[in-house]
Each structure stands twice: as structure tokens, then as C-alpha cells.
Amino acid sequence: MSEKIELEEKKEHKHSHHHDPKEKKRQLNRISRIIGHLEYVKRMIEEDVDCAEVLVQISASKSALNGLGKEIINEHVTHCITHAVEDNDTEALKEFQTAIEKFL
């Protein structure tokens, strides 16, 4: 929950970067599928589906989220961090390092 608050407080980046519109659309589509999957898990719990089956679906959701995280990391490294290095933006590099530590 505290990360959501941080997101609301950090709507604007201190460093400049942009996201490829195609990648952004792909990532948004992927998160929509993950949300749909989590809605299914929620229904499973509401309908008292066997716990083992629920756990398998939770595991699949976690895996999908981790995959999305890896894609975002890759895009960030290839675009945003590249620009940060070119601009000698050490703050952006520190922010990314902190984000990676939280992700892992």
C-alpha cells in the first residue's frame, strides 16, 4: 500500500524519459490479462475451489507479473537508463538501482 502512495506522490519524473508507445501498449495489455487472471483467482476463492488449484493459479499470476517486471526492466535499461548515462543523471541511476532491489 505504501508503494501506491509513493506512486501518487511521484507522478512526474525528475529525469526525462519516454516510453515506446508500442511497448507501453503491450505492457498494458499484459497487465490487463494478469488482472483478468487475478479476477479468476478471486472467483475461485469465492466459490471454494480446491486450495491446491487456487495456489497453482496464484503461482501462474506471480510468474506473469515477474515476466512483466523483467520486460519493464529491459525496456528501462535499453531506453531510460541509456539516456540517463548519456546525460550523466546519477539520480536516475540510483532510483533504478533502488527499484531493482525492491523488485528482486
C-alpha atoms as a PDB file:
ATOM      1  CA  MET A   1       0.000   0.000   0.000  1.00  0.00           C
ATOM      2  CA  SER A   2       2.833   2.437   0.755  1.00  0.00           C
ATOM      3  CA  GLU A   3       4.178   1.949  -2.777  1.00  0.00           C
ATOM      4  CA  LYS A   4       0.800   3.103  -4.118  1.00  0.00           C
ATOM      5  CA  ILE A   5       1.131   6.272  -2.053  1.00  0.00           C
ATOM      6  CA  GLU A   6       4.651   6.779  -3.401  1.00  0.00           C
ATOM      7  CA  LEU A   7       3.294   6.424  -6.943  1.00  0.00           C
ATOM      8  CA  GLU A   8       0.649   9.051  -6.300  1.00  0.00           C
ATOM      9  CA  GLU A   9       3.281  11.405  -4.907  1.00  0.00           C
ATOM     10  CA  LYS A  10       5.725  10.737  -7.796  1.00  0.00           C
ATOM     11  CA  LYS A  11       3.523  11.353 -10.807  1.00  0.00           C
ATOM     12  CA  GLU A  12       6.280  13.273 -12.517  1.00  0.00           C
ATOM     13  CA  HIS A  13       9.834  12.064 -13.017  1.00  0.00           C
ATOM     14  CA  LYS A  14      12.721  14.291 -12.107  1.00  0.00           C
ATOM     15  CA  HIS A  15      14.646  12.964 -15.078  1.00  0.00           C
ATOM     16  CA  SER A  16      13.361  12.968 -18.610  1.00  0.00           C
ATOM     17  CA  HIS A  17      12.443   9.750 -20.299  1.00  0.00           C
ATOM     18  CA  HIS A  18       9.824   8.435 -22.632  1.00  0.00           C
ATOM     19  CA  HIS A  19       8.363   5.050 -23.370  1.00  0.00           C
ATOM     20  CA  ASP A  20       7.912   3.453 -26.739  1.00  0.00           C
ATOM     21  CA  PRO A  21       4.141   3.612 -27.403  1.00  0.00           C
ATOM     22  CA  LYS A  22       4.129   0.049 -28.816  1.00  0.00           C
ATOM     23  CA  GLU A  23       5.916  -1.320 -25.732  1.00  0.00           C
ATOM     24  CA  LYS A  24       3.640   0.643 -23.436  1.00  0.00           C
ATOM     25  CA  LYS A  25       0.557  -0.767 -25.189  1.00  0.00           C
ATOM     26  CA  ARG A  26       1.999  -4.281 -24.991  1.00  0.00           C
ATOM     27  CA  GLN A  27       2.710  -3.884 -21.276  1.00  0.00           C
ATOM     28  CA  LEU A  28      -0.765  -2.500 -20.614  1.00  0.00           C
ATOM     29  CA  ASN A  29      -2.329  -5.419 -22.491  1.00  0.00           C
ATOM     30  CA  ARG A  30      -0.222  -7.830 -20.483  1.00  0.00           C
ATOM     31  CA  ILE A  31      -1.216  -6.280 -17.149  1.00  0.00           C
ATOM     32  CA  SER A  32      -4.869  -6.420 -18.239  1.00  0.00           C
ATOM     33  CA  ARG A  33      -4.518 -10.169 -18.810  1.00  0.00           C
ATOM     34  CA  ILE A  34      -2.874 -10.540 -15.388  1.00  0.00           C
ATOM     35  CA  ILE A  35      -5.712  -8.604 -13.773  1.00  0.00           C
ATOM     36  CA  GLY A  36      -8.182 -10.898 -15.528  1.00  0.00           C
ATOM     37  CA  HIS A  37      -6.307 -13.900 -14.203  1.00  0.00           C
ATOM     38  CA  LEU A  38      -6.385 -12.490 -10.667  1.00  0.00           C
ATOM     39  CA  GLU A  39     -10.137 -11.889 -11.006  1.00  0.00           C
ATOM     40  CA  TYR A  40     -10.427 -15.597 -11.859  1.00  0.00           C
ATOM     41  CA  VAL A  41      -8.403 -16.494  -8.752  1.00  0.00           C
ATOM     42  CA  LYS A  42     -10.724 -14.308  -6.695  1.00  0.00           C
ATOM     43  CA  ARG A  43     -13.766 -16.150  -8.083  1.00  0.00           C
ATOM     44  CA  MET A  44     -12.083 -19.464  -7.333  1.00  0.00           C
ATOM     45  CA  ILE A  45     -11.689 -18.449  -3.693  1.00  0.00           C
ATOM     46  CA  GLU A  46     -15.260 -17.132  -3.520  1.00  0.00           C
ATOM     47  CA  GLU A  47     -16.520 -20.453  -4.922  1.00  0.00           C
ATOM     48  CA  ASP A  48     -14.419 -22.553  -2.522  1.00  0.00           C
ATOM     49  CA  VAL A  49     -12.379 -24.199  -5.276  1.00  0.00           C
ATOM     50  CA  ASP A  50      -9.762 -26.653  -4.009  1.00  0.00           C
ATOM     51  CA  CYS A  51      -6.863 -24.806  -2.351  1.00  0.00           C
ATOM     52  CA  ALA A  52      -4.251 -26.638  -4.426  1.00  0.00           C
ATOM     53  CA  GLU A  53      -5.855 -25.385  -7.640  1.00  0.00           C
ATOM     54  CA  VAL A  54      -6.006 -21.840  -6.268  1.00  0.00           C
ATOM     55  CA  LEU A  55      -2.323 -21.972  -5.323  1.00  0.00           C
ATOM     56  CA  VAL A  56      -1.393 -23.125  -8.833  1.00  0.00           C
ATOM     57  CA  GLN A  57      -3.260 -20.156 -10.300  1.00  0.00           C
ATOM     58  CA  ILE A  58      -1.654 -17.755  -7.823  1.00  0.00           C
ATOM     59  CA  SER A  59       1.730 -19.122  -8.862  1.00  0.00           C
ATOM     60  CA  ALA A  60       0.862 -18.531 -12.521  1.00  0.00           C
ATOM     61  CA  SER A  61      -0.161 -14.947 -11.704  1.00  0.00           C
ATOM     62  CA  LYS A  62       3.097 -14.309  -9.839  1.00  0.00           C
ATOM     63  CA  SER A  63       5.052 -15.698 -12.767  1.00  0.00           C
ATOM     64  CA  ALA A  64       3.187 -13.453 -15.197  1.00  0.00           C
ATOM     65  CA  LEU A  65       3.870 -10.401 -13.013  1.00  0.00           C
ATOM     66  CA  ASN A  66       7.563 -11.288 -12.769  1.00  0.00           C
ATOM     67  CA  GLY A  67       7.698 -11.633 -16.542  1.00  0.00           C
ATOM     68  CA  LEU A  68       6.140  -8.200 -16.965  1.00  0.00           C
ATOM     69  CA  GLY A  69       8.637  -6.795 -14.469  1.00  0.00           C
ATOM     70  CA  LYS A  70      11.509  -8.258 -16.473  1.00  0.00           C
ATOM     71  CA  GLU A  71      10.155  -6.684 -19.663  1.00  0.00           C
ATOM     72  CA  ILE A  72       9.882  -3.309 -17.947  1.00  0.00           C
ATOM     73  CA  ILE A  73      13.421  -3.628 -16.598  1.00  0.00           C
ATOM     74  CA  ASN A  74      14.716  -4.467 -20.074  1.00  0.00           C
ATOM     75  CA  GLU A  75      12.949  -1.524 -21.661  1.00  0.00           C
ATOM     76  CA  HIS A  76      14.107   0.792 -18.906  1.00  0.00           C
ATOM     77  CA  VAL A  77      17.718  -0.290 -19.325  1.00  0.00           C
ATOM     78  CA  THR A  78      17.694  -0.017 -23.109  1.00  0.00           C
ATOM     79  CA  HIS A  79      15.990   3.378 -23.205  1.00  0.00           C
ATOM     80  CA  CYS A  80      15.744   5.340 -19.974  1.00  0.00           C
ATOM     81  CA  ILE A  81      18.994   4.271 -18.343  1.00  0.00           C
ATOM     82  CA  THR A  82      20.888   4.704 -21.602  1.00  0.00           C
ATOM     83  CA  HIS A  83      19.676   8.311 -21.724  1.00  0.00           C
ATOM     84  CA  ALA A  84      20.455   8.804 -18.036  1.00  0.00           C
ATOM     85  CA  VAL A  85      24.042   7.643 -18.589  1.00  0.00           C
ATOM     86  CA  GLU A  86      24.385   9.922 -21.625  1.00  0.00           C
ATOM     87  CA  ASP A  87      23.038  12.838 -19.547  1.00  0.00           C
ATOM     88  CA  ASN A  88      25.172  11.889 -16.506  1.00  0.00           C
ATOM     89  CA  ASP A  89      21.947  11.632 -14.479  1.00  0.00           C
ATOM     90  CA  THR A  90      23.225   9.793 -11.409  1.00  0.00           C
ATOM     91  CA  GLU A  91      19.938  10.310  -9.561  1.00  0.00           C
ATOM     92  CA  ALA A  92      18.055   8.328 -12.214  1.00  0.00           C
ATOM     93  CA  LEU A  93      20.632   5.544 -11.917  1.00  0.00           C
ATOM     94  CA  LYS A  94      20.256   5.451  -8.121  1.00  0.00           C
ATOM     95  CA  GLU A  95      16.452   5.381  -8.435  1.00  0.00           C
ATOM     96  CA  PHE A  96      16.686   2.455 -10.823  1.00  0.00           C
ATOM     97  CA  GLN A  97      19.064   0.581  -8.530  1.00  0.00           C
ATOM     98  CA  THR A  98      16.630   1.039  -5.638  1.00  0.00           C
ATOM     99  CA  ALA A  99      13.751  -0.159  -7.828  1.00  0.00           C
ATOM    100  CA  ILE A 100      15.698  -3.276  -8.869  1.00  0.00           C
ATOM    101  CA  GLU A 101      16.472  -4.090  -5.236  1.00  0.00           C
ATOM    102  CA  LYS A 102      12.755  -3.845  -4.383  1.00  0.00           C
ATOM    103  CA  PHE A 103      11.783  -5.924  -7.405  1.00  0.00           C
ATOM    104  CA  LEU A 104      14.201  -8.703  -6.532  1.00  0.00           C
END
